[in-house]
C-alpha atoms as a PDB file:
ATOM      1  CA  UNK A   1      -9.906   1.644  -7.673  1.00  0.00           C
ATOM      2  CA  UNK A   2     -11.366   1.167 -11.149  1.00  0.00           C
ATOM      3  CA  UNK A   3     -12.460  -2.152 -11.954  1.00  0.00           C
ATOM      4  CA  UNK A   4      -9.434  -2.515 -15.029  1.00  0.00           C
ATOM      5  CA  UNK A   5      -6.472  -1.266 -12.541  1.00  0.00           C
ATOM      6  CA  UNK A   6      -7.709  -3.644 -10.177  1.00  0.00           C
ATOM      7  CA  UNK A   7      -6.954  -6.498 -12.723  1.00  0.00           C
ATOM      8  CA  UNK A   8      -3.798  -4.701 -13.730  1.00  0.00           C
ATOM      9  CA  UNK A   9      -2.557  -4.808 -10.450  1.00  0.00           C
ATOM     10  CA  UNK A  10      -3.535  -8.114  -9.822  1.00  0.00           C
ATOM     11  CA  UNK A  11      -1.702  -9.193 -13.014  1.00  0.00           C
ATOM     12  CA  UNK A  12       1.562  -7.511 -11.772  1.00  0.00           C
ATOM     13  CA  UNK A  13       1.153  -9.572  -8.380  1.00  0.00           C
ATOM     14  CA  UNK A  14       1.007 -12.380 -10.344  1.00  0.00           C
ATOM     15  CA  UNK A  15       3.219 -11.625 -12.771  1.00  0.00           C
ATOM     16  CA  UNK A  16       5.899 -11.030  -9.637  1.00  0.00           C
ATOM     17  CA  UNK A  17       4.835 -13.874  -7.943  1.00  0.00           C
ATOM     18  CA  UNK A  18       5.543 -16.171 -10.977  1.00  0.00           C
ATOM     19  CA  UNK A  19       8.327 -14.688 -12.778  1.00  0.00           C
ATOM     20  CA  UNK A  20      10.629 -12.790 -10.318  1.00  0.00           C
ATOM     21  CA  UNK A  21      11.524 -14.364  -7.081  1.00  0.00           C
ATOM     22  CA  UNK A  22      13.514 -11.397  -6.486  1.00  0.00           C
ATOM     23  CA  UNK A  23      10.588  -9.128  -6.347  1.00  0.00           C
ATOM     24  CA  UNK A  24       9.800  -7.600  -2.763  1.00  0.00           C
ATOM     25  CA  UNK A  25       6.808  -5.472  -1.471  1.00  0.00           C
ATOM     26  CA  UNK A  26       7.810  -2.772   1.157  1.00  0.00           C
ATOM     27  CA  UNK A  27       5.565  -1.945   3.833  1.00  0.00           C
ATOM     28  CA  UNK A  28       5.302   1.551   3.775  1.00  0.00           C
ATOM     29  CA  UNK A  29       2.454   2.675   6.468  1.00  0.00           C
ATOM     30  CA  UNK A  30       0.633   0.492   9.260  1.00  0.00           C
ATOM     31  CA  UNK A  31      -2.339   2.454  10.892  1.00  0.00           C
ATOM     32  CA  UNK A  32      -5.833   2.176  12.114  1.00  0.00           C
ATOM     33  CA  UNK A  33      -6.628   5.186  10.431  1.00  0.00           C
ATOM     34  CA  UNK A  34      -8.926   4.500   7.368  1.00  0.00           C
ATOM     35  CA  UNK A  35      -8.827   8.245   6.183  1.00  0.00           C
ATOM     36  CA  UNK A  36      -5.110   7.923   5.985  1.00  0.00           C
ATOM     37  CA  UNK A  37      -4.993   4.607   4.323  1.00  0.00           C
ATOM     38  CA  UNK A  38      -7.518   6.336   1.433  1.00  0.00           C
ATOM     39  CA  UNK A  39      -5.163   9.433   1.548  1.00  0.00           C
ATOM     40  CA  UNK A  40      -2.430   7.563   1.027  1.00  0.00           C
ATOM     41  CA  UNK A  41      -3.523   5.353  -1.884  1.00  0.00           C
ATOM     42  CA  UNK A  42      -5.331   8.548  -3.327  1.00  0.00           C
ATOM     43  CA  UNK A  43      -1.589  10.066  -3.515  1.00  0.00           C
ATOM     44  CA  UNK A  44       0.043   6.815  -4.916  1.00  0.00           C
ATOM     45  CA  UNK A  45      -2.447   6.577  -7.663  1.00  0.00           C
ATOM     46  CA  UNK A  46      -1.869  10.191  -8.452  1.00  0.00           C
ATOM     47  CA  UNK A  47       1.801   9.319  -8.875  1.00  0.00           C
ATOM     48  CA  UNK A  48       1.167   5.936 -10.660  1.00  0.00           C
ATOM     49  CA  UNK A  49       2.815   3.939  -7.954  1.00  0.00           C
ATOM     50  CA  UNK A  50       0.853   0.172  -7.816  1.00  0.00           C
ATOM     51  CA  UNK A  51       0.501  -0.366  -4.210  1.00  0.00           C
ATOM     52  CA  UNK A  52      -1.224  -3.070  -1.964  1.00  0.00           C
ATOM     53  CA  UNK A  53      -3.698  -2.116   0.919  1.00  0.00           C
ATOM     54  CA  UNK A  54      -3.609  -5.507   3.409  1.00  0.00           C
ATOM     55  CA  UNK A  55      -5.856  -6.717   6.270  1.00  0.00           C
ATOM     56  CA  UNK A  56      -8.815  -4.093   4.860  1.00  0.00           C
ATOM     57  CA  UNK A  57     -11.499  -6.549   4.704  1.00  0.00           C
ATOM     58  CA  UNK A  58     -10.474  -7.712   8.242  1.00  0.00           C
ATOM     59  CA  UNK A  59     -12.911  -5.479   9.932  1.00  0.00           C
ATOM     60  CA  UNK A  60     -15.388  -8.536   9.706  1.00  0.00           C
ATOM     61  CA  UNK A  61     -13.473 -10.922  11.471  1.00  0.00           C
ATOM     62  CA  UNK A  62     -12.805  -7.822  14.326  1.00  0.00           C
ATOM     63  CA  UNK A  63     -16.037  -6.541  14.319  1.00  0.00           C
ATOM     64  CA  UNK A  64     -15.410  -3.227  12.521  1.00  0.00           C
ATOM     65  CA  UNK A  65     -13.542  -2.053  15.676  1.00  0.00           C
ATOM     66  CA  UNK A  66     -10.752  -1.034  13.810  1.00  0.00           C
ATOM     67  CA  UNK A  67      -8.109  -2.819  16.236  1.00  0.00           C
ATOM     68  CA  UNK A  68      -6.191  -4.489  13.231  1.00  0.00           C
ATOM     69  CA  UNK A  69      -4.114  -1.894  11.322  1.00  0.00           C
ATOM     70  CA  UNK A  70      -3.944  -2.019   7.662  1.00  0.00           C
ATOM     71  CA  UNK A  71      -0.938  -2.163   5.656  1.00  0.00           C
ATOM     72  CA  UNK A  72       0.154  -0.312   2.685  1.00  0.00           C
ATOM     73  CA  UNK A  73       2.421  -1.943   0.775  1.00  0.00           C
ATOM     74  CA  UNK A  74       4.639  -1.035  -2.695  1.00  0.00           C
ATOM     75  CA  UNK A  75       7.049  -2.929  -4.754  1.00  0.00           C
ATOM     76  CA  UNK A  76      10.478  -2.346  -3.622  1.00  0.00           C
ATOM     77  CA  UNK A  77      11.210  -0.467  -6.704  1.00  0.00           C
ATOM     78  CA  UNK A  78       8.859   2.238  -6.011  1.00  0.00           C
ATOM     79  CA  UNK A  79       9.799   2.102  -2.459  1.00  0.00           C
ATOM     80  CA  UNK A  80      12.037   5.518  -2.553  1.00  0.00           C
ATOM     81  CA  UNK A  81       9.401   7.019  -4.724  1.00  0.00           C
ATOM     82  CA  UNK A  82       6.428   6.737  -2.667  1.00  0.00           C
ATOM     83  CA  UNK A  83       8.334   7.356   0.614  1.00  0.00           C
ATOM     84  CA  UNK A  84       9.465  10.977  -0.810  1.00  0.00           C
ATOM     85  CA  UNK A  85       5.952  11.858  -1.788  1.00  0.00           C
ATOM     86  CA  UNK A  86       4.437  10.692   1.764  1.00  0.00           C
ATOM     87  CA  UNK A  87       7.216  12.857   2.989  1.00  0.00           C
ATOM     88  CA  UNK A  88       6.616  15.652   0.812  1.00  0.00           C
ATOM     89  CA  UNK A  89       2.881  15.644   1.590  1.00  0.00           C
ATOM     90  CA  UNK A  90       4.159  15.661   5.612  1.00  0.00           C
ATOM     91  CA  UNK A  91       3.433  12.065   6.370  1.00  0.00           C
ATOM     92  CA  UNK A  92       6.926  11.317   6.880  1.00  0.00           C
ATOM     93  CA  UNK A  93       5.928  10.746  10.146  1.00  0.00           C
ATOM     94  CA  UNK A  94       3.555   7.477   9.479  1.00  0.00           C
ATOM     95  CA  UNK A  95       6.154   6.060   7.617  1.00  0.00           C
ATOM     96  CA  UNK A  96       7.640   2.551   8.552  1.00  0.00           C
ATOM     97  CA  UNK A  97      10.924   2.086   8.904  1.00  0.00           C
ATOM     98  CA  UNK A  98      12.661   1.513   5.918  1.00  0.00           C
ATOM     99  CA  UNK A  99      15.104  -1.621   6.575  1.00  0.00           C
END
């Protein structure tokens, strides 16, 4: 992610956390497959949907074994569009249940 895009995402998260207590991040995918994480990130970036990958740096703790799954989250407002993009890309089987 380019530095400016990362900075914009950070500001957006700060803004959401500080100004709108009703804002919610939704988990789209949980996987150990780092290639899949990258592919999904590219799809979401292409659709201009901001996303957050959690637990990506946990490999330091786990010893790079790939045991801990990475989680991809999007803002609740973008959840439906993000799910549709992944479904259209043939990745619907990777989606977490939508609560």
